[in-house]
């Protein structure tokens, strides 16, 4: 059974940090590109950060560049999102995504992040 389980969300003040974790199981994690998406209240879901299957390429939304860092650990089947210098506009539900080059995609249920001013 495929599972992506996010954790690490919570409430922080502006300027604070959080580290999100996505634990994967039920598929060959190392051959999937992994991403973090977020959906702010009342808005569309957007891509936050992505990392290639080899871990050698990363991509970030302009709004988080320099503040967020995505990494992966293929030995533990985990992907992380380190979020620093958080802003109120980072408030959203953050979800983990696994994508295979064939088009197969898996999603986690998400973890909420609230940043207060």
Protein backbone atom coordinates (compact mmCIF):
# COMPACT_ATOMS: atom_id res chain seq x y z
CA UNK A 1 0.00 0.00 0.00
CA UNK A 2 1.43 3.34 -1.08
CA UNK A 3 1.66 5.92 1.68
CA UNK A 4 3.04 9.43 1.95
CA UNK A 5 2.74 10.74 5.49
CA UNK A 6 3.66 14.32 6.26
CA UNK A 7 4.59 15.61 9.69
CA UNK A 8 6.23 18.61 11.30
CA UNK A 9 3.62 21.25 10.64
CA UNK A 10 2.41 23.60 13.33
CA UNK A 11 2.11 27.21 14.40
CA UNK A 12 5.05 29.59 14.50
CA UNK A 13 5.63 33.31 14.59
CA UNK A 14 7.02 35.35 11.74
CA UNK A 15 10.72 34.66 11.32
CA UNK A 16 10.49 31.20 12.83
CA UNK A 17 11.45 27.85 11.35
CA UNK A 18 9.83 24.49 10.79
CA UNK A 19 11.06 21.25 9.29
CA UNK A 20 8.51 19.17 7.44
CA UNK A 21 9.04 15.46 6.91
CA UNK A 22 7.39 13.15 4.41
CA UNK A 23 7.72 9.43 5.08
CA UNK A 24 7.15 7.24 2.02
CA UNK A 25 6.30 3.56 1.80
CA UNK A 26 4.84 1.05 -0.62
CA UNK A 27 6.81 2.08 -3.71
CA UNK A 28 10.41 2.37 -4.91
CA UNK A 29 11.13 5.76 -3.41
CA UNK A 30 14.54 6.26 -5.00
CA UNK A 31 13.23 6.39 -8.57
CA UNK A 32 10.63 9.05 -7.89
CA UNK A 33 11.06 12.79 -8.02
CA UNK A 34 9.68 14.32 -4.85
CA UNK A 35 8.00 17.65 -4.33
CA UNK A 36 6.30 19.76 -1.72
CA UNK A 37 3.15 21.65 -2.61
CA UNK A 38 1.07 23.99 -0.52
CA UNK A 39 -2.48 25.27 -0.58
CA UNK A 40 -3.10 28.54 1.25
CA UNK A 41 -6.60 29.16 2.62
CA UNK A 42 -8.97 29.97 -0.23
CA UNK A 43 -6.29 29.65 -2.90
CA UNK A 44 -5.06 27.16 -5.45
CA UNK A 45 -2.41 24.58 -4.68
CA UNK A 46 1.08 25.63 -5.74
CA UNK A 47 4.46 23.99 -6.11
CA UNK A 48 6.88 24.98 -3.36
CA UNK A 49 9.97 22.85 -3.97
CA UNK A 50 11.05 19.80 -5.94
CA UNK A 51 14.00 17.44 -5.92
CA UNK A 52 14.99 14.97 -8.61
CA UNK A 53 15.17 11.22 -8.13
CA UNK A 54 18.95 11.39 -7.89
CA UNK A 55 18.82 14.29 -5.49
CA UNK A 56 21.09 16.34 -7.72
CA UNK A 57 18.54 18.84 -8.95
CA UNK A 58 16.24 21.09 -7.00
CA UNK A 59 13.73 23.75 -7.91
CA UNK A 60 11.92 26.32 -5.81
CA UNK A 61 9.07 28.73 -6.14
CA UNK A 62 10.37 32.28 -6.32
CA UNK A 63 8.50 33.13 -3.14
CA UNK A 64 10.54 30.66 -1.06
CA UNK A 65 13.98 30.79 -2.69
CA UNK A 66 16.68 31.40 -0.12
CA UNK A 67 14.35 30.49 2.75
CA UNK A 68 13.28 26.89 2.09
CA UNK A 69 15.47 23.85 1.41
CA UNK A 70 14.31 20.48 0.10
CA UNK A 71 16.37 17.35 0.72
CA UNK A 72 15.83 13.62 0.52
CA UNK A 73 17.19 10.52 2.23
CA UNK A 74 16.73 7.46 0.05
CA UNK A 75 18.01 5.14 2.80
CA UNK A 76 15.10 6.22 5.00
CA UNK A 77 12.56 6.87 2.22
CA UNK A 78 12.05 10.40 3.44
CA UNK A 79 11.94 13.87 1.98
CA UNK A 80 12.29 17.01 4.03
CA UNK A 81 11.43 20.68 3.71
CA UNK A 82 13.39 23.01 5.93
CA UNK A 83 11.51 26.28 6.18
CA UNK A 84 13.29 29.30 7.63
CA UNK A 85 12.37 32.97 7.95
CA UNK A 86 8.72 32.07 7.76
CA UNK A 87 6.19 34.71 6.78
CA UNK A 88 2.41 34.89 7.30
CA UNK A 89 1.96 34.28 3.56
CA UNK A 90 3.56 30.86 4.03
CA UNK A 91 0.46 29.77 5.94
CA UNK A 92 -0.98 26.77 4.08
CA UNK A 93 -1.49 23.04 4.10
CA UNK A 94 1.75 21.47 2.84
CA UNK A 95 1.55 18.21 0.93
CA UNK A 96 4.14 15.75 -0.27
CA UNK A 97 4.10 14.51 -3.87
CA UNK A 98 5.92 11.62 -5.55
CA UNK A 99 6.18 11.59 -9.34
CA UNK A 100 7.56 8.89 -11.62
CA UNK A 101 8.71 9.74 -15.17
CA UNK A 102 5.95 7.43 -16.46
CA UNK A 103 3.39 9.86 -15.07
CA UNK A 104 2.46 7.93 -11.94
CA UNK A 105 1.82 10.33 -9.07
CA UNK A 106 1.16 9.85 -5.36
CA UNK A 107 0.01 12.42 -2.81
CA UNK A 108 0.07 12.71 0.94
CA UNK A 109 -2.78 14.21 2.96
CA UNK A 110 -0.84 17.23 4.07
CA UNK A 111 0.23 18.96 7.24
CA UNK A 112 -0.93 22.47 8.21
CA UNK A 113 1.47 25.34 8.76
CA UNK A 114 0.33 28.59 10.36
CA UNK A 115 2.60 31.61 10.59
CA UNK A 116 1.38 34.45 12.78
CA UNK A 117 2.57 38.04 12.63
